[in-house]
PDB file of N, CA and C in Angstrom:
ATOM      1  N   MET A   1      -9.347  -8.090  12.683  1.00  0.00           N
ATOM      2  CA  MET A   1      -8.162  -7.663  13.280  1.00  0.00           C
ATOM      3  C   MET A   1      -7.454  -6.544  12.321  1.00  0.00           C
ATOM      4  N   LEU A   2      -7.085  -5.536  13.118  1.00  0.00           N
ATOM      5  CA  LEU A   2      -6.356  -4.422  12.359  1.00  0.00           C
ATOM      6  C   LEU A   2      -4.775  -4.815  11.818  1.00  0.00           C
ATOM      7  N   LYS A   3      -4.655  -4.465  10.614  1.00  0.00           N
ATOM      8  CA  LYS A   3      -3.032  -4.513  10.104  1.00  0.00           C
ATOM      9  C   LYS A   3      -2.676  -3.237   9.809  1.00  0.00           C
ATOM     10  N   LYS A   4      -1.305  -3.163  10.144  1.00  0.00           N
ATOM     11  CA  LYS A   4      -0.557  -1.718   9.539  1.00  0.00           C
ATOM     12  C   LYS A   4      -0.378  -1.914   8.092  1.00  0.00           C
ATOM     13  N   TYR A   5      -0.677  -0.564   7.494  1.00  0.00           N
ATOM     14  CA  TYR A   5      -0.302  -0.737   5.963  1.00  0.00           C
ATOM     15  C   TYR A   5       0.592   0.490   5.598  1.00  0.00           C
ATOM     16  N   TYR A   6       1.227   0.134   4.621  1.00  0.00           N
ATOM     17  CA  TYR A   6       2.435   1.165   4.266  1.00  0.00           C
ATOM     18  C   TYR A   6       2.184   1.330   2.791  1.00  0.00           C
ATOM     19  N   ILE A   7       2.553   2.558   2.141  1.00  0.00           N
ATOM     20  CA  ILE A   7       2.956   2.849   0.909  1.00  0.00           C
ATOM     21  C   ILE A   7       4.099   3.129   0.453  1.00  0.00           C
ATOM     22  N   SER A   8       4.694   2.821  -0.697  1.00  0.00           N
ATOM     23  CA  SER A   8       5.825   2.842  -1.184  1.00  0.00           C
ATOM     24  C   SER A   8       6.074   4.409  -1.640  1.00  0.00           C
ATOM     25  N   LYS A   9       7.052   4.891  -1.001  1.00  0.00           N
ATOM     26  CA  LYS A   9       7.073   6.232  -1.646  1.00  0.00           C
ATOM     27  C   LYS A   9       7.859   6.334  -3.078  1.00  0.00           C
ATOM     28  N   ASN A  10       8.494   5.547  -3.373  1.00  0.00           N
ATOM     29  CA  ASN A  10       8.988   5.596  -4.780  1.00  0.00           C
ATOM     30  C   ASN A  10       7.889   4.696  -5.654  1.00  0.00           C
ATOM     31  N   ALA A  11       7.614   5.460  -6.811  1.00  0.00           N
ATOM     32  CA  ALA A  11       6.708   4.664  -7.673  1.00  0.00           C
ATOM     33  C   ALA A  11       7.415   3.550  -8.614  1.00  0.00           C
ATOM     34  N   ARG A  12       6.552   2.589  -8.945  1.00  0.00           N
ATOM     35  CA  ARG A  12       6.998   1.699  -9.883  1.00  0.00           C
ATOM     36  C   ARG A  12       7.163   2.158 -11.216  1.00  0.00           C
ATOM     37  N   SER A  13       7.671   1.353 -12.304  1.00  0.00           N
ATOM     38  CA  SER A  13       7.813   1.724 -13.728  1.00  0.00           C
ATOM     39  C   SER A  13       6.488   2.381 -14.136  1.00  0.00           C
ATOM     40  N   ASN A  14       5.270   1.828 -13.761  1.00  0.00           N
ATOM     41  CA  ASN A  14       4.123   2.124 -14.532  1.00  0.00           C
ATOM     42  C   ASN A  14       3.551   3.439 -13.815  1.00  0.00           C
ATOM     43  N   GLY A  15       4.281   4.064 -12.656  1.00  0.00           N
ATOM     44  CA  GLY A  15       3.748   5.182 -11.710  1.00  0.00           C
ATOM     45  C   GLY A  15       2.988   4.744 -10.571  1.00  0.00           C
ATOM     46  N   ASP A  16       2.618   3.444 -10.419  1.00  0.00           N
ATOM     47  CA  ASP A  16       1.825   3.191  -9.118  1.00  0.00           C
ATOM     48  C   ASP A  16       2.747   3.198  -8.044  1.00  0.00           C
ATOM     49  N   HIS A  17       2.127   3.623  -6.853  1.00  0.00           N
ATOM     50  CA  HIS A  17       2.569   3.613  -5.328  1.00  0.00           C
ATOM     51  C   HIS A  17       2.001   2.534  -4.926  1.00  0.00           C
ATOM     52  N   GLU A  18       2.487   1.383  -4.325  1.00  0.00           N
ATOM     53  CA  GLU A  18       1.797   0.202  -3.939  1.00  0.00           C
ATOM     54  C   GLU A  18       1.731   0.259  -2.622  1.00  0.00           C
ATOM     55  N   ILE A  19       0.364  -0.282  -1.951  1.00  0.00           N
ATOM     56  CA  ILE A  19       0.213  -0.401  -0.509  1.00  0.00           C
ATOM     57  C   ILE A  19       0.516  -1.779  -0.157  1.00  0.00           C
ATOM     58  N   HIS A  20       0.933  -2.015   1.063  1.00  0.00           N
ATOM     59  CA  HIS A  20       1.388  -3.180   1.433  1.00  0.00           C
ATOM     60  C   HIS A  20       0.897  -3.484   3.015  1.00  0.00           C
ATOM     61  N   ALA A  21       0.560  -4.627   3.262  1.00  0.00           N
ATOM     62  CA  ALA A  21       0.369  -4.957   4.785  1.00  0.00           C
ATOM     63  C   ALA A  21       1.672  -5.179   5.602  1.00  0.00           C
ATOM     64  N   GLU A  22       1.715  -5.185   6.624  1.00  0.00           N
ATOM     65  CA  GLU A  22       3.023  -4.958   7.444  1.00  0.00           C
ATOM     66  C   GLU A  22       3.948  -6.377   7.281  1.00  0.00           C
ATOM     67  N   LEU A  23       3.297  -7.372   7.014  1.00  0.00           N
ATOM     68  CA  LEU A  23       3.995  -8.678   6.759  1.00  0.00           C
ATOM     69  C   LEU A  23       4.288  -9.183   5.415  1.00  0.00           C
ATOM     70  N   CYS A  24       4.071  -8.332   4.501  1.00  0.00           N
ATOM     71  CA  CYS A  24       4.134  -8.564   3.074  1.00  0.00           C
ATOM     72  C   CYS A  24       5.724  -8.868   2.808  1.00  0.00           C
ATOM     73  N   MET A  25       6.070  -9.898   2.078  1.00  0.00           N
ATOM     74  CA  MET A  25       7.188 -10.302   1.413  1.00  0.00           C
ATOM     75  C   MET A  25       7.696  -9.132   0.567  1.00  0.00           C
ATOM     76  N   PHE A  26       7.009  -8.244   0.147  1.00  0.00           N
ATOM     77  CA  PHE A  26       7.325  -7.161  -0.973  1.00  0.00           C
ATOM     78  C   PHE A  26       7.408  -5.850  -0.241  1.00  0.00           C
ATOM     79  N   LEU A  27       7.168  -5.850   0.971  1.00  0.00           N
ATOM     80  CA  LEU A  27       7.130  -4.437   1.995  1.00  0.00           C
ATOM     81  C   LEU A  27       8.429  -3.908   1.653  1.00  0.00           C
ATOM     82  N   PRO A  28       8.282  -2.597   1.217  1.00  0.00           N
ATOM     83  CA  PRO A  28       9.616  -1.770   0.867  1.00  0.00           C
ATOM     84  C   PRO A  28      10.316  -1.552   2.177  1.00  0.00           C
ATOM     85  N   GLN A  29      11.646  -1.365   1.869  1.00  0.00           N
ATOM     86  CA  GLN A  29      12.627  -0.827   2.971  1.00  0.00           C
ATOM     87  C   GLN A  29      12.218   0.384   3.665  1.00  0.00           C
ATOM     88  N   VAL A  30      12.702   0.711   4.894  1.00  0.00           N
ATOM     89  CA  VAL A  30      12.056   1.596   5.829  1.00  0.00           C
ATOM     90  C   VAL A  30      12.052   2.919   5.089  1.00  0.00           C
ATOM     91  N   ASP A  31      13.152   3.238   4.326  1.00  0.00           N
ATOM     92  CA  ASP A  31      13.227   4.592   3.803  1.00  0.00           C
ATOM     93  C   ASP A  31      12.641   4.900   2.708  1.00  0.00           C
ATOM     94  N   ASN A  32      11.802   3.735   2.253  1.00  0.00           N
ATOM     95  CA  ASN A  32      10.988   3.746   1.142  1.00  0.00           C
ATOM     96  C   ASN A  32       9.486   3.542   1.352  1.00  0.00           C
ATOM     97  N   ARG A  33       9.101   3.794   2.392  1.00  0.00           N
ATOM     98  CA  ARG A  33       7.656   3.437   2.885  1.00  0.00           C
ATOM     99  C   ARG A  33       7.087   4.582   3.707  1.00  0.00           C
ATOM    100  N   GLN A  34       5.926   4.532   3.741  1.00  0.00           N
ATOM    101  CA  GLN A  34       5.136   5.602   4.638  1.00  0.00           C
ATOM    102  C   GLN A  34       4.178   4.733   5.073  1.00  0.00           C
ATOM    103  N   PHE A  35       4.093   4.981   6.411  1.00  0.00           N
ATOM    104  CA  PHE A  35       2.996   4.296   7.374  1.00  0.00           C
ATOM    105  C   PHE A  35       1.686   5.041   6.915  1.00  0.00           C
ATOM    106  N   LEU A  36       0.576   4.109   6.809  1.00  0.00           N
ATOM    107  CA  LEU A  36      -0.570   4.713   6.452  1.00  0.00           C
ATOM    108  C   LEU A  36      -1.434   4.762   7.526  1.00  0.00           C
ATOM    109  N   GLY A  37      -1.571   3.664   8.497  1.00  0.00           N
ATOM    110  CA  GLY A  37      -2.177   3.640   9.584  1.00  0.00           C
ATOM    111  C   GLY A  37      -2.580   2.110   9.816  1.00  0.00           C
ATOM    112  N   LYS A  38      -3.487   1.819  10.626  1.00  0.00           N
ATOM    113  CA  LYS A  38      -4.058   0.368  11.034  1.00  0.00           C
ATOM    114  C   LYS A  38      -5.448   0.282  10.599  1.00  0.00           C
ATOM    115  N   PHE A  39      -5.473  -0.596   9.674  1.00  0.00           N
ATOM    116  CA  PHE A  39      -6.824  -0.664   9.097  1.00  0.00           C
ATOM    117  C   PHE A  39      -7.340  -2.404   9.015  1.00  0.00           C
ATOM    118  N   ILE A  40      -8.767  -2.509   8.833  1.00  0.00           N
ATOM    119  CA  ILE A  40      -9.332  -3.862   8.804  1.00  0.00           C
ATOM    120  C   ILE A  40      -9.002  -4.399   7.372  1.00  0.00           C
ATOM    121  N   SER A  41      -9.087  -3.548   6.371  1.00  0.00           N
ATOM    122  CA  SER A  41      -8.691  -4.005   5.072  1.00  0.00           C
ATOM    123  C   SER A  41      -8.057  -3.053   4.280  1.00  0.00           C
ATOM    124  N   CYS A  42      -7.443  -3.831   3.227  1.00  0.00           N
ATOM    125  CA  CYS A  42      -6.795  -2.948   2.223  1.00  0.00           C
ATOM    126  C   CYS A  42      -7.787  -2.012   1.555  1.00  0.00           C
ATOM    127  N   THR A  43      -9.093  -1.975   1.460  1.00  0.00           N
ATOM    128  CA  THR A  43      -9.924  -1.058   1.095  1.00  0.00           C
ATOM    129  C   THR A  43      -9.927   0.374   1.839  1.00  0.00           C
ATOM    130  N   ASP A  44      -9.893   0.044   3.027  1.00  0.00           N
ATOM    131  CA  ASP A  44      -9.708   1.161   4.133  1.00  0.00           C
ATOM    132  C   ASP A  44      -8.267   1.941   4.000  1.00  0.00           C
ATOM    133  N   ALA A  45      -7.264   1.036   3.549  1.00  0.00           N
ATOM    134  CA  ALA A  45      -5.786   1.583   3.583  1.00  0.00           C
ATOM    135  C   ALA A  45      -5.708   2.429   2.230  1.00  0.00           C
ATOM    136  N   MET A  46      -6.526   1.928   1.230  1.00  0.00           N
ATOM    137  CA  MET A  46      -6.454   2.529  -0.211  1.00  0.00           C
ATOM    138  C   MET A  46      -7.098   4.079  -0.006  1.00  0.00           C
ATOM    139  N   VAL A  47      -8.161   4.091   0.738  1.00  0.00           N
ATOM    140  CA  VAL A  47      -8.896   5.385   0.730  1.00  0.00           C
ATOM    141  C   VAL A  47      -7.750   6.476   1.462  1.00  0.00           C
ATOM    142  N   GLU A  48      -7.013   6.029   2.454  1.00  0.00           N
ATOM    143  CA  GLU A  48      -6.003   6.862   3.042  1.00  0.00           C
ATOM    144  C   GLU A  48      -4.715   7.213   1.965  1.00  0.00           C
ATOM    145  N   ALA A  49      -4.544   5.929   1.324  1.00  0.00           N
ATOM    146  CA  ALA A  49      -3.128   5.925   0.239  1.00  0.00           C
ATOM    147  C   ALA A  49      -3.619   7.170  -0.703  1.00  0.00           C
ATOM    148  N   LYS A  50      -4.952   7.332  -1.267  1.00  0.00           N
ATOM    149  CA  LYS A  50      -5.307   8.126  -2.318  1.00  0.00           C
ATOM    150  C   LYS A  50      -4.978   9.630  -1.714  1.00  0.00           C
ATOM    151  N   LYS A  51      -4.887   9.746  -0.418  1.00  0.00           N
ATOM    152  CA  LYS A  51      -4.818  11.112  -0.043  1.00  0.00           C
ATOM    153  C   LYS A  51      -3.375  11.598  -0.199  1.00  0.00           C
ATOM    154  N   HIS A  52      -2.507  10.560  -0.438  1.00  0.00           N
ATOM    155  CA  HIS A  52      -1.001  11.126  -0.501  1.00  0.00           C
ATOM    156  C   HIS A  52      -0.361  10.830  -1.893  1.00  0.00           C
ATOM    157  N   TYR A  53      -1.128   9.605  -2.616  1.00  0.00           N
ATOM    158  CA  TYR A  53      -0.637   9.278  -3.806  1.00  0.00           C
ATOM    159  C   TYR A  53      -1.950   9.094  -4.805  1.00  0.00           C
ATOM    160  N   PHE A  54      -2.336   9.902  -5.828  1.00  0.00           N
ATOM    161  CA  PHE A  54      -3.268   9.409  -6.568  1.00  0.00           C
ATOM    162  C   PHE A  54      -3.158   8.095  -7.248  1.00  0.00           C
ATOM    163  N   SER A  55      -2.031   7.741  -7.500  1.00  0.00           N
ATOM    164  CA  SER A  55      -1.737   6.567  -8.347  1.00  0.00           C
ATOM    165  C   SER A  55      -1.255   5.331  -7.414  1.00  0.00           C
ATOM    166  N   ALA A  56      -2.079   5.424  -6.243  1.00  0.00           N
ATOM    167  CA  ALA A  56      -2.024   4.177  -5.408  1.00  0.00           C
ATOM    168  C   ALA A  56      -2.557   3.104  -5.964  1.00  0.00           C
ATOM    169  N   ASN A  57      -1.984   1.874  -5.525  1.00  0.00           N
ATOM    170  CA  ASN A  57      -2.437   0.611  -6.094  1.00  0.00           C
ATOM    171  C   ASN A  57      -2.230  -0.588  -5.096  1.00  0.00           C
ATOM    172  N   GLY A  58      -3.082  -1.514  -4.865  1.00  0.00           N
ATOM    173  CA  GLY A  58      -2.644  -2.634  -3.987  1.00  0.00           C
ATOM    174  C   GLY A  58      -1.655  -3.439  -4.785  1.00  0.00           C
ATOM    175  N   CYS A  59      -0.965  -4.168  -3.658  1.00  0.00           N
ATOM    176  CA  CYS A  59       0.168  -5.059  -4.112  1.00  0.00           C
ATOM    177  C   CYS A  59      -0.501  -6.319  -4.515  1.00  0.00           C
ATOM    178  N   LYS A  60       0.089  -6.958  -5.461  1.00  0.00           N
ATOM    179  CA  LYS A  60      -0.485  -8.172  -6.109  1.00  0.00           C
ATOM    180  C   LYS A  60      -0.364  -9.465  -5.092  1.00  0.00           C
ATOM    181  N   ARG A  61       0.507  -9.219  -3.735  1.00  0.00           N
ATOM    182  CA  ARG A  61       0.548 -10.478  -3.021  1.00  0.00           C
ATOM    183  C   ARG A  61      -0.294  -9.991  -1.747  1.00  0.00           C
ATOM    184  N   CYS A  62      -0.139  -9.023  -1.042  1.00  0.00           N
ATOM    185  CA  CYS A  62      -0.729  -8.862   0.150  1.00  0.00           C
ATOM    186  C   CYS A  62      -2.010  -7.999   0.326  1.00  0.00           C
ATOM    187  N   SER A  63      -2.298  -7.274  -0.913  1.00  0.00           N
ATOM    188  CA  SER A  63      -3.554  -6.338  -1.043  1.00  0.00           C
ATOM    189  C   SER A  63      -4.252  -6.489  -2.414  1.00  0.00           C
ATOM    190  N   GLU A  64      -4.366  -7.796  -2.951  1.00  0.00           N
ATOM    191  CA  GLU A  64      -4.733  -8.092  -4.182  1.00  0.00           C
ATOM    192  C   GLU A  64      -6.325  -7.589  -4.472  1.00  0.00           C
ATOM    193  N   ASN A  65      -7.118  -7.478  -3.524  1.00  0.00           N
ATOM    194  CA  ASN A  65      -8.498  -7.063  -3.409  1.00  0.00           C
ATOM    195  C   ASN A  65      -8.380  -5.472  -3.883  1.00  0.00           C
ATOM    196  N   CYS A  66      -7.372  -5.005  -3.777  1.00  0.00           N
ATOM    197  CA  CYS A  66      -7.481  -3.565  -3.957  1.00  0.00           C
ATOM    198  C   CYS A  66      -6.563  -3.025  -5.076  1.00  0.00           C
ATOM    199  N   ARG A  67      -6.021  -4.123  -6.005  1.00  0.00           N
ATOM    200  CA  ARG A  67      -5.315  -3.942  -7.199  1.00  0.00           C
ATOM    201  C   ARG A  67      -6.086  -3.639  -8.360  1.00  0.00           C
ATOM    202  N   THR A  68      -5.879  -2.653  -9.092  1.00  0.00           N
ATOM    203  CA  THR A  68      -6.781  -2.094 -10.150  1.00  0.00           C
ATOM    204  C   THR A  68      -6.112  -2.744 -11.495  1.00  0.00           C
ATOM    205  N   GLN A  69      -4.923  -3.244 -11.484  1.00  0.00           N
ATOM    206  CA  GLN A  69      -4.438  -3.802 -12.600  1.00  0.00           C
ATOM    207  C   GLN A  69      -4.000  -5.117 -12.753  1.00  0.00           C
TER     208      GLN A  69
END
């Protein structure tokens, strides 16, 4: 099943822009997120996210499989 994924526009204190699935409790407010597309997994969403932000990282809650730290 495809999920909508977003990336935060504002970086965290460590410089990461986190990717989130549409129902994540940590999904940023509308003005602080960019729609990445619909994907089967966070791995596919991460490929798209890296086109926008080199320092993209998965959310520890909804995209843990794509988290590098």
